[in-house]
Amino acid sequence: MQAEAAHLHRQSTTIPGAAAGALRAVEYFLFRGAEETARRNAWSAVLEDRKRAKDRRDAQHVMDALVSSRAPRGDVL
Protein backbone atom coordinates (compact mmCIF):
# COMPACT_ATOMS: atom_id res chain seq x y z
CA MET A 1 0.00 0.00 0.00
CA GLN A 2 2.78 2.45 0.89
CA ALA A 3 4.65 1.67 -2.31
CA GLU A 4 1.50 2.36 -4.31
CA ALA A 5 0.94 5.68 -2.51
CA ALA A 6 4.54 6.72 -3.13
CA HIS A 7 4.20 5.85 -6.80
CA LEU A 8 1.00 7.89 -7.11
CA HIS A 9 2.62 10.86 -5.36
CA ARG A 10 5.61 10.82 -7.71
CA GLN A 11 3.36 10.50 -10.70
CA SER A 12 1.16 13.42 -9.69
CA THR A 13 4.10 15.80 -9.12
CA THR A 14 5.72 15.27 -12.51
CA ILE A 15 4.78 17.64 -15.29
CA PRO A 16 4.48 16.33 -18.85
CA GLY A 17 6.90 17.78 -21.41
CA ALA A 18 4.38 20.07 -23.12
CA ALA A 19 3.12 21.48 -19.83
CA ALA A 20 6.68 22.02 -18.59
CA GLY A 21 7.51 23.89 -21.78
CA ALA A 22 4.41 26.03 -21.41
CA LEU A 23 5.33 26.82 -17.79
CA ARG A 24 8.85 27.76 -18.84
CA ALA A 25 7.42 30.08 -21.49
CA VAL A 26 5.12 31.73 -18.95
CA GLU A 27 8.00 32.11 -16.47
CA TYR A 28 10.14 33.66 -19.19
CA PHE A 29 7.39 36.10 -20.09
CA LEU A 30 6.67 37.04 -16.47
CA PHE A 31 10.28 37.32 -15.27
CA ARG A 32 11.75 38.91 -18.38
CA GLY A 33 11.05 42.42 -17.08
CA ALA A 34 12.42 41.58 -13.66
CA GLU A 35 15.64 40.28 -15.20
CA GLU A 36 16.06 43.46 -17.23
CA THR A 37 15.44 45.54 -14.10
CA ALA A 38 18.02 43.51 -12.18
CA ARG A 39 20.60 44.06 -14.92
CA ARG A 40 19.84 47.78 -15.02
CA ASN A 41 20.14 48.02 -11.22
CA ALA A 42 23.42 46.10 -11.26
CA TRP A 43 24.86 48.41 -13.93
CA SER A 44 23.75 51.47 -11.95
CA ALA A 45 25.53 50.05 -8.90
CA VAL A 46 28.71 49.57 -10.94
CA LEU A 47 28.57 53.17 -12.17
CA GLU A 48 27.98 54.47 -8.63
CA ASP A 49 30.95 52.44 -7.34
CA ARG A 50 33.16 53.86 -10.08
CA LYS A 51 32.06 57.40 -9.21
CA ARG A 52 32.77 56.84 -5.50
CA ALA A 53 36.20 55.42 -6.33
CA LYS A 54 36.99 58.45 -8.50
CA ASP A 55 35.81 60.80 -5.75
CA ARG A 56 38.04 58.97 -3.23
CA ARG A 57 41.04 59.27 -5.57
CA ASP A 58 40.37 62.97 -6.12
CA ALA A 59 40.01 63.58 -2.38
CA GLN A 60 43.25 61.68 -1.72
CA HIS A 61 45.09 63.84 -4.29
CA VAL A 62 43.79 67.00 -2.61
CA MET A 63 44.80 65.73 0.84
CA ASP A 64 48.26 64.77 -0.43
CA ALA A 65 48.69 68.21 -1.99
CA LEU A 66 47.64 69.94 1.24
CA VAL A 67 49.98 67.84 3.35
CA SER A 68 52.94 68.35 1.03
CA SER A 69 52.39 72.13 0.86
CA ARG A 70 52.06 72.54 4.66
CA ALA A 71 54.73 70.16 5.91
CA PRO A 72 58.17 71.71 6.31
CA ARG A 73 60.88 69.94 4.38
CA GLY A 74 62.56 67.19 6.35
CA ASP A 75 59.60 66.50 8.68
CA VAL A 76 58.02 63.10 8.58
CA LEU A 77 54.31 62.78 9.15
PDB file of N, CA and C in Angstrom:
ATOM      1  N   MET A   1       0.822  -1.200   0.000  1.00  0.00           N
ATOM      2  CA  MET A   1       0.000   0.000   0.000  1.00  0.00           C
ATOM      3  C   MET A   1       0.866   1.264   0.000  1.00  0.00           C
ATOM      4  N   GLN A   2       1.921   1.270   0.834  1.00  0.00           N
ATOM      5  CA  GLN A   2       2.779   2.449   0.888  1.00  0.00           C
ATOM      6  C   GLN A   2       3.515   2.651  -0.436  1.00  0.00           C
ATOM      7  N   ALA A   3       3.949   1.563  -1.028  1.00  0.00           N
ATOM      8  CA  ALA A   3       4.646   1.673  -2.311  1.00  0.00           C
ATOM      9  C   ALA A   3       3.720   2.246  -3.372  1.00  0.00           C
ATOM     10  N   GLU A   4       2.478   1.840  -3.343  1.00  0.00           N
ATOM     11  CA  GLU A   4       1.504   2.356  -4.310  1.00  0.00           C
ATOM     12  C   GLU A   4       1.250   3.843  -4.083  1.00  0.00           C
ATOM     13  N   ALA A   5       1.155   4.264  -2.821  1.00  0.00           N
ATOM     14  CA  ALA A   5       0.936   5.677  -2.505  1.00  0.00           C
ATOM     15  C   ALA A   5       2.134   6.515  -2.942  1.00  0.00           C
ATOM     16  N   ALA A   6       3.341   5.996  -2.713  1.00  0.00           N
ATOM     17  CA  ALA A   6       4.543   6.724  -3.126  1.00  0.00           C
ATOM     18  C   ALA A   6       4.583   6.857  -4.643  1.00  0.00           C
ATOM     19  N   HIS A   7       4.214   5.806  -5.342  1.00  0.00           N
ATOM     20  CA  HIS A   7       4.196   5.849  -6.805  1.00  0.00           C
ATOM     21  C   HIS A   7       3.180   6.873  -7.311  1.00  0.00           C
ATOM     22  N   LEU A   8       2.019   6.917  -6.701  1.00  0.00           N
ATOM     23  CA  LEU A   8       0.998   7.887  -7.106  1.00  0.00           C
ATOM     24  C   LEU A   8       1.460   9.311  -6.833  1.00  0.00           C
ATOM     25  N   HIS A   9       2.135   9.517  -5.698  1.00  0.00           N
ATOM     26  CA  HIS A   9       2.623  10.856  -5.358  1.00  0.00           C
ATOM     27  C   HIS A   9       3.660  11.317  -6.385  1.00  0.00           C
ATOM     28  N   ARG A  10       4.593  10.446  -6.721  1.00  0.00           N
ATOM     29  CA  ARG A  10       5.606  10.816  -7.714  1.00  0.00           C
ATOM     30  C   ARG A  10       4.968  11.122  -9.056  1.00  0.00           C
ATOM     31  N   GLN A  11       4.013  10.325  -9.414  1.00  0.00           N
ATOM     32  CA  GLN A  11       3.363  10.495 -10.702  1.00  0.00           C
ATOM     33  C   GLN A  11       2.590  11.811 -10.758  1.00  0.00           C
ATOM     34  N   SER A  12       1.971  12.208  -9.675  1.00  0.00           N
ATOM     35  CA  SER A  12       1.160  13.421  -9.688  1.00  0.00           C
ATOM     36  C   SER A  12       2.003  14.685  -9.660  1.00  0.00           C
ATOM     37  N   THR A  13       3.268  14.593  -9.201  1.00  0.00           N
ATOM     38  CA  THR A  13       4.097  15.797  -9.124  1.00  0.00           C
ATOM     39  C   THR A  13       4.915  16.031 -10.381  1.00  0.00           C
ATOM     40  N   THR A  14       4.978  15.053 -11.275  1.00  0.00           N
ATOM     41  CA  THR A  14       5.721  15.270 -12.513  1.00  0.00           C
ATOM     42  C   THR A  14       4.851  16.020 -13.510  1.00  0.00           C
ATOM     43  N   ILE A  15       5.500  16.831 -14.305  1.00  0.00           N
ATOM     44  CA  ILE A  15       4.778  17.636 -15.293  1.00  0.00           C
ATOM     45  C   ILE A  15       5.154  17.117 -16.670  1.00  0.00           C
ATOM     46  N   PRO A  16       4.179  16.803 -17.496  1.00  0.00           N
ATOM     47  CA  PRO A  16       4.480  16.332 -18.854  1.00  0.00           C
ATOM     48  C   PRO A  16       5.293  17.366 -19.626  1.00  0.00           C
ATOM     49  N   GLY A  17       6.009  16.912 -20.637  1.00  0.00           N
ATOM     50  CA  GLY A  17       6.899  17.777 -21.407  1.00  0.00           C
ATOM     51  C   GLY A  17       6.237  19.020 -21.958  1.00  0.00           C
ATOM     52  N   ALA A  18       5.051  18.904 -22.533  1.00  0.00           N
ATOM     53  CA  ALA A  18       4.384  20.069 -23.122  1.00  0.00           C
ATOM     54  C   ALA A  18       3.992  21.075 -22.049  1.00  0.00           C
ATOM     55  N   ALA A  19       3.511  20.580 -20.918  1.00  0.00           N
ATOM     56  CA  ALA A  19       3.120  21.484 -19.831  1.00  0.00           C
ATOM     57  C   ALA A  19       4.348  22.167 -19.241  1.00  0.00           C
ATOM     58  N   ALA A  20       5.446  21.424 -19.114  1.00  0.00           N
ATOM     59  CA  ALA A  20       6.677  22.018 -18.590  1.00  0.00           C
ATOM     60  C   ALA A  20       7.171  23.116 -19.521  1.00  0.00           C
ATOM     61  N   GLY A  21       7.098  22.863 -20.815  1.00  0.00           N
ATOM     62  CA  GLY A  21       7.509  23.886 -21.779  1.00  0.00           C
ATOM     63  C   GLY A  21       6.631  25.117 -21.706  1.00  0.00           C
ATOM     64  N   ALA A  22       5.339  24.897 -21.525  1.00  0.00           N
ATOM     65  CA  ALA A  22       4.415  26.030 -21.405  1.00  0.00           C
ATOM     66  C   ALA A  22       4.708  26.824 -20.141  1.00  0.00           C
ATOM     67  N   LEU A  23       4.997  26.115 -19.040  1.00  0.00           N
ATOM     68  CA  LEU A  23       5.327  26.816 -17.794  1.00  0.00           C
ATOM     69  C   LEU A  23       6.619  27.613 -17.942  1.00  0.00           C
ATOM     70  N   ARG A  24       7.605  27.028 -18.618  1.00  0.00           N
ATOM     71  CA  ARG A  24       8.852  27.763 -18.839  1.00  0.00           C
ATOM     72  C   ARG A  24       8.612  29.016 -19.670  1.00  0.00           C
ATOM     73  N   ALA A  25       7.741  28.921 -20.655  1.00  0.00           N
ATOM     74  CA  ALA A  25       7.424  30.082 -21.492  1.00  0.00           C
ATOM     75  C   ALA A  25       6.729  31.166 -20.677  1.00  0.00           C
ATOM     76  N   VAL A  26       5.811  30.765 -19.808  1.00  0.00           N
ATOM     77  CA  VAL A  26       5.117  31.733 -18.953  1.00  0.00           C
ATOM     78  C   VAL A  26       6.103  32.375 -17.984  1.00  0.00           C
ATOM     79  N   GLU A  27       6.986  31.557 -17.379  1.00  0.00           N
ATOM     80  CA  GLU A  27       7.997  32.111 -16.471  1.00  0.00           C
ATOM     81  C   GLU A  27       8.882  33.110 -17.202  1.00  0.00           C
ATOM     82  N   TYR A  28       9.297  32.759 -18.408  1.00  0.00           N
ATOM     83  CA  TYR A  28      10.140  33.662 -19.185  1.00  0.00           C
ATOM     84  C   TYR A  28       9.418  34.983 -19.423  1.00  0.00           C
ATOM     85  N   PHE A  29       8.168  34.896 -19.810  1.00  0.00           N
ATOM     86  CA  PHE A  29       7.389  36.100 -20.086  1.00  0.00           C
ATOM     87  C   PHE A  29       7.218  36.947 -18.830  1.00  0.00           C
ATOM     88  N   LEU A  30       6.919  36.296 -17.700  1.00  0.00           N
ATOM     89  CA  LEU A  30       6.667  37.036 -16.465  1.00  0.00           C
ATOM     90  C   LEU A  30       7.939  37.624 -15.866  1.00  0.00           C
ATOM     91  N   PHE A  31       9.051  36.880 -15.936  1.00  0.00           N
ATOM     92  CA  PHE A  31      10.276  37.320 -15.269  1.00  0.00           C
ATOM     93  C   PHE A  31      11.222  38.083 -16.179  1.00  0.00           C
ATOM     94  N   ARG A  32      10.879  38.206 -17.451  1.00  0.00           N
ATOM     95  CA  ARG A  32      11.751  38.915 -18.384  1.00  0.00           C
ATOM     96  C   ARG A  32      11.972  40.355 -17.925  1.00  0.00           C
ATOM     97  N   GLY A  33      10.917  41.040 -17.542  1.00  0.00           N
ATOM     98  CA  GLY A  33      11.046  42.421 -17.083  1.00  0.00           C
ATOM     99  C   GLY A  33      11.851  42.525 -15.807  1.00  0.00           C
ATOM    100  N   ALA A  34      11.674  41.565 -14.911  1.00  0.00           N
ATOM    101  CA  ALA A  34      12.425  41.577 -13.656  1.00  0.00           C
ATOM    102  C   ALA A  34      13.911  41.371 -13.919  1.00  0.00           C
ATOM    103  N   GLU A  35      14.237  40.521 -14.874  1.00  0.00           N
ATOM    104  CA  GLU A  35      15.640  40.283 -15.203  1.00  0.00           C
ATOM    105  C   GLU A  35      16.269  41.540 -15.794  1.00  0.00           C
ATOM    106  N   GLU A  36      15.546  42.218 -16.653  1.00  0.00           N
ATOM    107  CA  GLU A  36      16.055  43.464 -17.231  1.00  0.00           C
ATOM    108  C   GLU A  36      16.250  44.515 -16.143  1.00  0.00           C
ATOM    109  N   THR A  37      15.321  44.593 -15.216  1.00  0.00           N
ATOM    110  CA  THR A  37      15.442  45.537 -14.104  1.00  0.00           C
ATOM    111  C   THR A  37      16.654  45.199 -13.247  1.00  0.00           C
ATOM    112  N   ALA A  38      16.867  43.922 -12.981  1.00  0.00           N
ATOM    113  CA  ALA A  38      18.020  43.506 -12.177  1.00  0.00           C
ATOM    114  C   ALA A  38      19.325  43.877 -12.870  1.00  0.00           C
ATOM    115  N   ARG A  39      19.393  43.672 -14.180  1.00  0.00           N
ATOM    116  CA  ARG A  39      20.604  44.058 -14.921  1.00  0.00           C
ATOM    117  C   ARG A  39      20.821  45.560 -14.878  1.00  0.00           C
ATOM    118  N   ARG A  40      19.744  46.315 -15.051  1.00  0.00           N
ATOM    119  CA  ARG A  40      19.844  47.776 -15.016  1.00  0.00           C
ATOM    120  C   ARG A  40      20.301  48.246 -13.635  1.00  0.00           C
ATOM    121  N   ASN A  41      19.743  47.655 -12.582  1.00  0.00           N
ATOM    122  CA  ASN A  41      20.141  48.019 -11.219  1.00  0.00           C
ATOM    123  C   ASN A  41      21.602  47.664 -10.960  1.00  0.00           C
ATOM    124  N   ALA A  42      22.030  46.507 -11.451  1.00  0.00           N
ATOM    125  CA  ALA A  42      23.423  46.101 -11.262  1.00  0.00           C
ATOM    126  C   ALA A  42      24.362  47.067 -11.976  1.00  0.00           C
ATOM    127  N   TRP A  43      24.010  47.471 -13.187  1.00  0.00           N
ATOM    128  CA  TRP A  43      24.857  48.408 -13.927  1.00  0.00           C
ATOM    129  C   TRP A  43      24.895  49.763 -13.228  1.00  0.00           C
ATOM    130  N   SER A  44      23.772  50.209 -12.697  1.00  0.00           N
ATOM    131  CA  SER A  44      23.745  51.469 -11.950  1.00  0.00           C
ATOM    132  C   SER A  44      24.657  51.385 -10.732  1.00  0.00           C
ATOM    133  N   ALA A  45      24.656  50.237 -10.059  1.00  0.00           N
ATOM    134  CA  ALA A  45      25.527  50.055  -8.898  1.00  0.00           C
ATOM    135  C   ALA A  45      26.994  50.107  -9.309  1.00  0.00           C
ATOM    136  N   VAL A  46      27.333  49.525 -10.449  1.00  0.00           N
ATOM    137  CA  VAL A  46      28.710  49.571 -10.944  1.00  0.00           C
ATOM    138  C   VAL A  46      29.114  51.012 -11.216  1.00  0.00           C
ATOM    139  N   LEU A  47      28.251  51.768 -11.868  1.00  0.00           N
ATOM    140  CA  LEU A  47      28.566  53.170 -12.170  1.00  0.00           C
ATOM    141  C   LEU A  47      28.721  53.994 -10.897  1.00  0.00           C
ATOM    142  N   GLU A  48      27.869  53.754  -9.904  1.00  0.00           N
ATOM    143  CA  GLU A  48      27.982  54.465  -8.630  1.00  0.00           C
ATOM    144  C   GLU A  48      29.292  54.122  -7.929  1.00  0.00           C
ATOM    145  N   ASP A  49      29.682  52.846  -7.954  1.00  0.00           N
ATOM    146  CA  ASP A  49      30.950  52.436  -7.341  1.00  0.00           C
ATOM    147  C   ASP A  49      32.126  53.113  -8.028  1.00  0.00           C
ATOM    148  N   ARG A  50      32.078  53.193  -9.348  1.00  0.00           N
ATOM    149  CA  ARG A  50      33.158  53.860 -10.078  1.00  0.00           C
ATOM    150  C   ARG A  50      33.236  55.339  -9.713  1.00  0.00           C
ATOM    151  N   LYS A  51      32.081  55.981  -9.572  1.00  0.00           N
ATOM    152  CA  LYS A  51      32.064  57.399  -9.208  1.00  0.00           C
ATOM    153  C   LYS A  51      32.634  57.602  -7.808  1.00  0.00           C
ATOM    154  N   ARG A  52      32.232  56.735  -6.866  1.00  0.00           N
ATOM    155  CA  ARG A  52      32.766  56.844  -5.503  1.00  0.00           C
ATOM    156  C   ARG A  52      34.279  56.625  -5.485  1.00  0.00           C
ATOM    157  N   ALA A  53      34.759  55.673  -6.271  1.00  0.00           N
ATOM    158  CA  ALA A  53      36.198  55.420  -6.330  1.00  0.00           C
ATOM    159  C   ALA A  53      36.932  56.632  -6.897  1.00  0.00           C
ATOM    160  N   LYS A  54      36.370  57.248  -7.921  1.00  0.00           N
ATOM    161  CA  LYS A  54      36.986  58.449  -8.501  1.00  0.00           C
ATOM    162  C   LYS A  54      36.986  59.583  -7.481  1.00  0.00           C
ATOM    163  N   ASP A  55      35.878  59.751  -6.771  1.00  0.00           N
ATOM    164  CA  ASP A  55      35.806  60.797  -5.750  1.00  0.00           C
ATOM    165  C   ASP A  55      36.836  60.555  -4.642  1.00  0.00           C
ATOM    166  N   ARG A  56      37.028  59.286  -4.245  1.00  0.00           N
ATOM    167  CA  ARG A  56      38.036  58.971  -3.228  1.00  0.00           C
ATOM    168  C   ARG A  56      39.439  59.301  -3.732  1.00  0.00           C
ATOM    169  N   ARG A  57      39.728  58.947  -5.002  1.00  0.00           N
ATOM    170  CA  ARG A  57      41.043  59.267  -5.567  1.00  0.00           C
ATOM    171  C   ARG A  57      41.263  60.770  -5.610  1.00  0.00           C
ATOM    172  N   ASP A  58      40.249  61.511  -6.050  1.00  0.00           N
ATOM    173  CA  ASP A  58      40.369  62.968  -6.119  1.00  0.00           C
ATOM    174  C   ASP A  58      40.594  63.560  -4.731  1.00  0.00           C
ATOM    175  N   ALA A  59      39.852  63.078  -3.751  1.00  0.00           N
ATOM    176  CA  ALA A  59      40.013  63.579  -2.379  1.00  0.00           C
ATOM    177  C   ALA A  59      41.406  63.248  -1.849  1.00  0.00           C
ATOM    178  N   GLN A  60      41.908  62.060  -2.173  1.00  0.00           N
ATOM    179  CA  GLN A  60      43.252  61.681  -1.722  1.00  0.00           C
ATOM    180  C   GLN A  60      44.304  62.583  -2.353  1.00  0.00           C
ATOM    181  N   HIS A  61      44.140  62.928  -3.627  1.00  0.00           N
ATOM    182  CA  HIS A  61      45.088  63.836  -4.286  1.00  0.00           C
ATOM    183  C   HIS A  61      45.067  65.209  -3.622  1.00  0.00           C
ATOM    184  N   VAL A  62      43.899  65.697  -3.279  1.00  0.00           N
ATOM    185  CA  VAL A  62      43.789  66.996  -2.610  1.00  0.00           C
ATOM    186  C   VAL A  62      44.461  66.934  -1.244  1.00  0.00           C
ATOM    187  N   MET A  63      44.189  65.865  -0.486  1.00  0.00           N
ATOM    188  CA  MET A  63      44.803  65.732   0.844  1.00  0.00           C
ATOM    189  C   MET A  63      46.322  65.638   0.733  1.00  0.00           C
ATOM    190  N   ASP A  64      46.814  64.882  -0.235  1.00  0.00           N
ATOM    191  CA  ASP A  64      48.261  64.773  -0.428  1.00  0.00           C
ATOM    192  C   ASP A  64      48.870  66.123  -0.777  1.00  0.00           C
ATOM    193  N   ALA A  65      48.185  66.892  -1.612  1.00  0.00           N
ATOM    194  CA  ALA A  65      48.691  68.211  -1.992  1.00  0.00           C
ATOM    195  C   ALA A  65      48.712  69.148  -0.786  1.00  0.00           C
ATOM    196  N   LEU A  66      47.674  69.095   0.046  1.00  0.00           N
ATOM    197  CA  LEU A  66      47.641  69.940   1.242  1.00  0.00           C
ATOM    198  C   LEU A  66      48.750  69.569   2.216  1.00  0.00           C
ATOM    199  N   VAL A  67      48.949  68.297   2.415  1.00  0.00           N
ATOM    200  CA  VAL A  67      49.980  67.845   3.353  1.00  0.00           C
ATOM    201  C   VAL A  67      51.359  68.227   2.844  1.00  0.00           C
ATOM    202  N   SER A  68      51.608  68.043   1.565  1.00  0.00           N
ATOM    203  CA  SER A  68      52.937  68.352   1.033  1.00  0.00           C
ATOM    204  C   SER A  68      53.196  69.858   1.019  1.00  0.00           C
ATOM    205  N   SER A  69      52.167  70.677   0.876  1.00  0.00           N
ATOM    206  CA  SER A  69      52.386  72.125   0.860  1.00  0.00           C
ATOM    207  C   SER A  69      52.532  72.689   2.267  1.00  0.00           C
ATOM    208  N   ARG A  70      51.999  72.028   3.288  1.00  0.00           N
ATOM    209  CA  ARG A  70      52.061  72.537   4.661  1.00  0.00           C
ATOM    210  C   ARG A  70      53.222  71.966   5.457  1.00  0.00           C
ATOM    211  N   ALA A  71      53.673  70.794   5.125  1.00  0.00           N
ATOM    212  CA  ALA A  71      54.732  70.155   5.913  1.00  0.00           C
ATOM    213  C   ALA A  71      56.077  70.782   5.562  1.00  0.00           C
ATOM    214  N   PRO A  72      56.816  71.188   6.577  1.00  0.00           N
ATOM    215  CA  PRO A  72      58.166  71.705   6.309  1.00  0.00           C
ATOM    216  C   PRO A  72      59.047  70.576   5.766  1.00  0.00           C
ATOM    217  N   ARG A  73      59.993  70.942   4.974  1.00  0.00           N
ATOM    218  CA  ARG A  73      60.878  69.941   4.375  1.00  0.00           C
ATOM    219  C   ARG A  73      61.670  69.246   5.483  1.00  0.00           C
ATOM    220  N   GLY A  74      61.798  67.941   5.362  1.00  0.00           N
ATOM    221  CA  GLY A  74      62.562  67.188   6.346  1.00  0.00           C
ATOM    222  C   GLY A  74      61.699  66.583   7.439  1.00  0.00           C
ATOM    223  N   ASP A  75      60.483  67.077   7.659  1.00  0.00           N
ATOM    224  CA  ASP A  75      59.600  66.497   8.677  1.00  0.00           C
ATOM    225  C   ASP A  75      58.923  65.259   8.114  1.00  0.00           C
ATOM    226  N   VAL A  76      58.725  64.316   8.973  1.00  0.00           N
ATOM    227  CA  VAL A  76      58.024  63.105   8.583  1.00  0.00           C
ATOM    228  C   VAL A  76      56.691  63.096   9.290  1.00  0.00           C
ATOM    229  N   LEU A  77      55.649  62.810   8.551  1.00  0.00           N
ATOM    230  CA  LEU A  77      54.313  62.781   9.150  1.00  0.00           C
ATOM    231  C   LEU A  77      54.021  61.458   9.745  1.00  0.00           C
TER     232      LEU A  77
END
